[in-house]
Amino acid sequence: MSDLPEGLTRAPRLHVGPATIGPYRMLQRVGEGGMGEVWLAEQTRPVHRQVALKIIKAGMDTAQVVARFEAERQALALMAHPAIAQVFDAGATPEGRPFFAMEFVLVNR
């Protein structure tokens, strides 16, 4: 039985970097934008659940990009609406790249 939600398959391991960030075990990259990547991750502590983990791409962590990313995660954290994923946690990698963990929502297209 797979630990991935229905409709997702495990991608080949092409990602070079940490397999974990804090309590989050990276499972599969599910999206990429101009400044960041979104990963399906498994939170292993203090609770066990699947989350979407958004992290700034390596090399994109300029002061301007970090400020925009932090503004995005702050704005999302303050929103409460059924159509907006809930933010659970935020932090930075050991290298200093900001991330946030949010509700994982699989959208059928």
N, C-alpha and C. Protein backbone atom coordinates (compact mmCIF):
# COMPACT_ATOMS: atom_id res chain seq x y z
N MET A 1 0.85 -1.19 0.00
CA MET A 1 0.00 0.00 0.00
C MET A 1 0.88 1.24 0.00
N SER A 2 0.55 2.21 -0.84
CA SER A 2 1.35 3.42 -0.97
C SER A 2 1.02 4.43 0.12
N ASP A 3 2.03 5.23 0.50
CA ASP A 3 1.79 6.29 1.47
C ASP A 3 1.43 7.61 0.79
N LEU A 4 1.23 7.57 -0.54
CA LEU A 4 0.86 8.76 -1.30
C LEU A 4 -0.65 8.78 -1.52
N PRO A 5 -1.23 9.99 -1.62
CA PRO A 5 -2.65 10.08 -1.92
C PRO A 5 -2.97 9.49 -3.29
N GLU A 6 -4.19 9.06 -3.47
CA GLU A 6 -4.63 8.49 -4.73
C GLU A 6 -4.38 9.49 -5.85
N GLY A 7 -3.86 9.02 -6.96
CA GLY A 7 -3.59 9.90 -8.10
C GLY A 7 -2.15 10.36 -8.20
N LEU A 8 -1.36 10.17 -7.14
CA LEU A 8 0.06 10.55 -7.18
C LEU A 8 0.90 9.29 -7.16
N THR A 9 1.98 9.31 -7.90
CA THR A 9 2.93 8.22 -7.87
C THR A 9 4.28 8.76 -7.46
N ARG A 10 5.09 7.92 -6.86
CA ARG A 10 6.40 8.35 -6.39
C ARG A 10 7.28 8.66 -7.60
N ALA A 11 7.90 9.84 -7.59
CA ALA A 11 8.78 10.25 -8.67
C ALA A 11 10.16 9.64 -8.47
N PRO A 12 10.91 9.48 -9.56
CA PRO A 12 12.28 9.02 -9.37
C PRO A 12 13.06 10.02 -8.54
N ARG A 13 14.03 9.58 -7.79
CA ARG A 13 14.81 10.44 -6.91
C ARG A 13 15.80 11.26 -7.73
N LEU A 14 15.34 12.41 -8.23
CA LEU A 14 16.19 13.31 -8.98
C LEU A 14 16.60 14.50 -8.13
N HIS A 15 15.92 14.70 -7.03
CA HIS A 15 16.17 15.84 -6.15
C HIS A 15 17.46 15.62 -5.37
N VAL A 16 18.32 16.60 -5.42
CA VAL A 16 19.54 16.54 -4.62
C VAL A 16 19.35 17.50 -3.48
N GLY A 17 19.38 17.03 -2.26
CA GLY A 17 19.16 17.88 -1.11
C GLY A 17 18.66 17.05 0.04
N PRO A 18 18.17 17.71 1.07
CA PRO A 18 17.76 16.96 2.25
C PRO A 18 16.50 16.14 2.00
N ALA A 19 16.49 14.94 2.54
CA ALA A 19 15.30 14.11 2.47
C ALA A 19 14.32 14.53 3.55
N THR A 20 14.81 15.28 4.55
CA THR A 20 13.95 15.79 5.61
C THR A 20 14.30 17.24 5.89
N ILE A 21 13.30 17.96 6.32
CA ILE A 21 13.47 19.33 6.81
C ILE A 21 12.73 19.37 8.14
N GLY A 22 13.47 19.46 9.23
CA GLY A 22 12.85 19.42 10.55
C GLY A 22 12.06 18.15 10.70
N PRO A 23 10.78 18.26 11.10
CA PRO A 23 9.97 17.06 11.28
C PRO A 23 9.28 16.58 10.00
N TYR A 24 9.70 17.10 8.84
CA TYR A 24 9.03 16.79 7.58
C TYR A 24 9.91 15.92 6.69
N ARG A 25 9.37 14.78 6.28
CA ARG A 25 10.05 13.88 5.35
C ARG A 25 9.49 14.13 3.96
N MET A 26 10.36 14.55 3.05
CA MET A 26 9.95 14.88 1.69
C MET A 26 9.57 13.59 0.95
N LEU A 27 8.39 13.59 0.32
CA LEU A 27 7.94 12.40 -0.41
C LEU A 27 8.03 12.61 -1.91
N GLN A 28 7.47 13.72 -2.41
CA GLN A 28 7.43 13.96 -3.86
C GLN A 28 7.23 15.44 -4.13
N ARG A 29 7.98 15.96 -5.09
CA ARG A 29 7.75 17.34 -5.51
C ARG A 29 6.48 17.36 -6.34
N VAL A 30 5.53 18.23 -5.98
CA VAL A 30 4.24 18.26 -6.67
C VAL A 30 4.01 19.57 -7.42
N GLY A 31 4.90 20.54 -7.25
CA GLY A 31 4.74 21.80 -7.96
C GLY A 31 5.99 22.65 -7.88
N GLU A 32 6.08 23.60 -8.81
CA GLU A 32 7.22 24.49 -8.85
C GLU A 32 6.77 25.81 -9.45
N GLY A 33 7.24 26.89 -8.87
CA GLY A 33 6.93 28.22 -9.39
C GLY A 33 8.20 29.01 -9.58
N GLY A 34 8.07 30.30 -9.71
CA GLY A 34 9.22 31.15 -9.96
C GLY A 34 10.22 31.16 -8.83
N MET A 35 9.74 31.14 -7.58
CA MET A 35 10.66 31.24 -6.45
C MET A 35 10.68 30.03 -5.54
N GLY A 36 9.73 29.11 -5.73
CA GLY A 36 9.67 28.01 -4.78
C GLY A 36 9.23 26.70 -5.38
N GLU A 37 9.32 25.68 -4.54
CA GLU A 37 8.86 24.34 -4.86
C GLU A 37 7.85 23.93 -3.80
N VAL A 38 6.89 23.10 -4.21
CA VAL A 38 5.93 22.55 -3.26
C VAL A 38 6.11 21.03 -3.26
N TRP A 39 6.26 20.49 -2.07
CA TRP A 39 6.48 19.06 -1.88
C TRP A 39 5.34 18.45 -1.08
N LEU A 40 4.95 17.24 -1.45
CA LEU A 40 4.14 16.42 -0.57
C LEU A 40 5.13 15.89 0.46
N ALA A 41 4.85 16.13 1.72
CA ALA A 41 5.75 15.71 2.79
C ALA A 41 4.95 15.05 3.89
N GLU A 42 5.64 14.30 4.69
CA GLU A 42 5.02 13.63 5.83
C GLU A 42 5.57 14.27 7.10
N GLN A 43 4.68 14.82 7.90
CA GLN A 43 5.08 15.34 9.20
C GLN A 43 5.20 14.15 10.13
N THR A 44 6.35 14.03 10.80
CA THR A 44 6.60 12.86 11.64
C THR A 44 6.47 13.14 13.13
N ARG A 45 6.47 14.42 13.50
CA ARG A 45 6.32 14.78 14.91
C ARG A 45 5.85 16.22 15.01
N PRO A 46 5.15 16.67 15.98
CA PRO A 46 4.61 15.89 17.08
C PRO A 46 3.39 15.08 16.68
N VAL A 47 2.85 15.35 15.48
CA VAL A 47 1.74 14.55 14.96
C VAL A 47 2.17 13.97 13.62
N HIS A 48 1.47 12.95 13.18
CA HIS A 48 1.78 12.28 11.92
C HIS A 48 0.68 12.64 10.92
N ARG A 49 1.07 13.32 9.82
CA ARG A 49 0.09 13.68 8.79
C ARG A 49 0.84 14.07 7.52
N GLN A 50 0.12 14.07 6.40
CA GLN A 50 0.70 14.55 5.15
C GLN A 50 0.42 16.04 5.04
N VAL A 51 1.42 16.76 4.54
CA VAL A 51 1.31 18.21 4.38
C VAL A 51 1.90 18.60 3.03
N ALA A 52 1.61 19.80 2.62
CA ALA A 52 2.30 20.42 1.49
C ALA A 52 3.37 21.32 2.09
N LEU A 53 4.60 21.16 1.65
CA LEU A 53 5.70 21.94 2.18
C LEU A 53 6.22 22.83 1.05
N LYS A 54 6.11 24.14 1.24
CA LYS A 54 6.60 25.09 0.24
C LYS A 54 7.93 25.64 0.73
N ILE A 55 8.93 25.61 -0.15
CA ILE A 55 10.28 26.04 0.20
C ILE A 55 10.87 26.85 -0.94
N ILE A 56 11.62 27.87 -0.59
CA ILE A 56 12.31 28.66 -1.61
C ILE A 56 13.34 27.78 -2.31
N LYS A 57 13.42 27.90 -3.63
CA LYS A 57 14.40 27.14 -4.40
C LYS A 57 15.81 27.55 -3.99
N ALA A 58 16.71 26.57 -4.06
CA ALA A 58 18.13 26.85 -3.80
C ALA A 58 18.61 27.90 -4.81
N GLY A 59 19.32 28.89 -4.32
CA GLY A 59 19.85 29.95 -5.18
C GLY A 59 18.90 31.11 -5.37
N MET A 60 17.65 30.97 -4.94
CA MET A 60 16.66 32.04 -5.09
C MET A 60 16.47 32.81 -3.79
N ASP A 61 17.30 32.55 -2.80
CA ASP A 61 17.08 33.11 -1.47
C ASP A 61 17.74 34.48 -1.29
N THR A 62 17.43 35.38 -2.25
CA THR A 62 17.89 36.77 -2.11
C THR A 62 17.00 37.48 -1.09
N ALA A 63 17.44 38.60 -0.59
CA ALA A 63 16.66 39.34 0.41
C ALA A 63 15.28 39.69 -0.14
N GLN A 64 15.20 40.09 -1.41
CA GLN A 64 13.91 40.48 -2.00
C GLN A 64 12.97 39.27 -2.11
N VAL A 65 13.47 38.14 -2.56
CA VAL A 65 12.64 36.95 -2.71
C VAL A 65 12.20 36.43 -1.34
N VAL A 66 13.12 36.42 -0.38
CA VAL A 66 12.77 35.98 0.97
C VAL A 66 11.68 36.87 1.56
N ALA A 67 11.78 38.18 1.35
CA ALA A 67 10.75 39.10 1.87
C ALA A 67 9.39 38.80 1.24
N ARG A 68 9.34 38.55 -0.08
CA ARG A 68 8.07 38.22 -0.74
C ARG A 68 7.52 36.90 -0.24
N PHE A 69 8.39 35.92 -0.06
CA PHE A 69 7.98 34.60 0.43
C PHE A 69 7.41 34.71 1.84
N GLU A 70 8.10 35.44 2.70
CA GLU A 70 7.63 35.60 4.08
C GLU A 70 6.31 36.37 4.13
N ALA A 71 6.13 37.34 3.24
CA ALA A 71 4.85 38.06 3.17
C ALA A 71 3.73 37.11 2.73
N GLU A 72 4.03 36.22 1.78
CA GLU A 72 3.03 35.24 1.32
C GLU A 72 2.63 34.30 2.45
N ARG A 73 3.62 33.76 3.16
CA ARG A 73 3.27 32.80 4.21
C ARG A 73 2.55 33.48 5.37
N GLN A 74 2.87 34.74 5.66
CA GLN A 74 2.17 35.48 6.72
C GLN A 74 0.72 35.73 6.31
N ALA A 75 0.52 36.16 5.07
CA ALA A 75 -0.84 36.42 4.58
C ALA A 75 -1.68 35.14 4.61
N LEU A 76 -1.12 34.03 4.13
CA LEU A 76 -1.86 32.76 4.15
C LEU A 76 -2.16 32.30 5.57
N ALA A 77 -1.23 32.51 6.48
CA ALA A 77 -1.43 32.08 7.87
C ALA A 77 -2.59 32.82 8.54
N LEU A 78 -2.88 34.03 8.08
CA LEU A 78 -3.96 34.82 8.68
C LEU A 78 -5.32 34.56 8.06
N MET A 79 -5.35 33.87 6.93
CA MET A 79 -6.61 33.63 6.23
C MET A 79 -7.31 32.40 6.78
N ALA A 80 -8.61 32.49 6.88
CA ALA A 80 -9.44 31.36 7.32
C ALA A 80 -10.61 31.26 6.36
N HIS A 81 -10.51 30.35 5.40
CA HIS A 81 -11.56 30.16 4.41
C HIS A 81 -11.49 28.72 3.91
N PRO A 82 -12.62 28.07 3.67
CA PRO A 82 -12.61 26.67 3.25
C PRO A 82 -11.86 26.44 1.92
N ALA A 83 -11.72 27.46 1.09
CA ALA A 83 -11.06 27.31 -0.21
C ALA A 83 -9.57 27.64 -0.16
N ILE A 84 -9.04 27.94 1.02
CA ILE A 84 -7.63 28.29 1.17
C ILE A 84 -6.99 27.29 2.13
N ALA A 85 -5.88 26.69 1.70
CA ALA A 85 -5.19 25.72 2.54
C ALA A 85 -4.71 26.37 3.83
N GLN A 86 -4.91 25.68 4.93
CA GLN A 86 -4.51 26.17 6.24
C GLN A 86 -3.01 26.00 6.44
N VAL A 87 -2.34 27.03 6.94
CA VAL A 87 -0.91 26.95 7.25
C VAL A 87 -0.75 26.35 8.64
N PHE A 88 0.11 25.33 8.76
CA PHE A 88 0.34 24.64 10.03
C PHE A 88 1.60 25.09 10.74
N ASP A 89 2.65 25.39 9.97
CA ASP A 89 3.96 25.60 10.57
C ASP A 89 4.81 26.39 9.59
N ALA A 90 5.87 27.00 10.09
CA ALA A 90 6.82 27.73 9.25
C ALA A 90 8.18 27.69 9.91
N GLY A 91 9.21 27.87 9.11
CA GLY A 91 10.55 27.86 9.65
C GLY A 91 11.56 28.08 8.55
N ALA A 92 12.78 27.62 8.79
CA ALA A 92 13.86 27.74 7.81
C ALA A 92 14.68 26.46 7.85
N THR A 93 15.25 26.12 6.71
CA THR A 93 16.13 24.96 6.62
C THR A 93 17.44 25.30 7.33
N PRO A 94 18.28 24.31 7.58
CA PRO A 94 19.59 24.60 8.18
C PRO A 94 20.41 25.58 7.34
N GLU A 95 20.15 25.63 6.03
CA GLU A 95 20.84 26.57 5.15
C GLU A 95 20.22 27.95 5.17
N GLY A 96 19.08 28.11 5.87
CA GLY A 96 18.43 29.40 6.00
C GLY A 96 17.33 29.68 5.00
N ARG A 97 16.96 28.69 4.18
CA ARG A 97 15.87 28.91 3.22
C ARG A 97 14.53 28.76 3.93
N PRO A 98 13.68 29.79 3.87
CA PRO A 98 12.38 29.71 4.53
C PRO A 98 11.47 28.65 3.90
N PHE A 99 10.58 28.10 4.72
CA PHE A 99 9.57 27.17 4.25
C PHE A 99 8.31 27.37 5.07
N PHE A 100 7.21 26.84 4.58
CA PHE A 100 6.03 26.69 5.41
C PHE A 100 5.31 25.41 5.05
N ALA A 101 4.67 24.83 6.05
CA ALA A 101 3.89 23.60 5.89
C ALA A 101 2.43 23.98 5.95
N MET A 102 1.67 23.43 5.02
CA MET A 102 0.25 23.74 4.96
C MET A 102 -0.54 22.48 4.64
N GLU A 103 -1.82 22.62 4.74
CA GLU A 103 -2.74 21.55 4.42
C GLU A 103 -2.48 21.07 3.00
N PHE A 104 -2.38 19.76 2.80
CA PHE A 104 -2.21 19.21 1.45
C PHE A 104 -3.58 18.99 0.84
N VAL A 105 -3.82 19.62 -0.30
CA VAL A 105 -5.10 19.50 -1.00
C VAL A 105 -4.82 18.99 -2.40
N LEU A 106 -5.37 17.85 -2.75
CA LEU A 106 -5.21 17.29 -4.08
C LEU A 106 -6.33 17.82 -4.95
N VAL A 107 -5.97 18.54 -6.00
CA VAL A 107 -6.95 19.14 -6.90
C VAL A 107 -7.08 18.25 -8.13
N ASN A 108 -8.30 17.83 -8.42
CA ASN A 108 -8.57 17.04 -9.63
C ASN A 108 -8.74 17.98 -10.80
N ARG A 109 -7.94 17.76 -11.81
CA ARG A 109 -8.02 18.62 -13.02
C ARG A 109 -8.55 17.84 -14.17
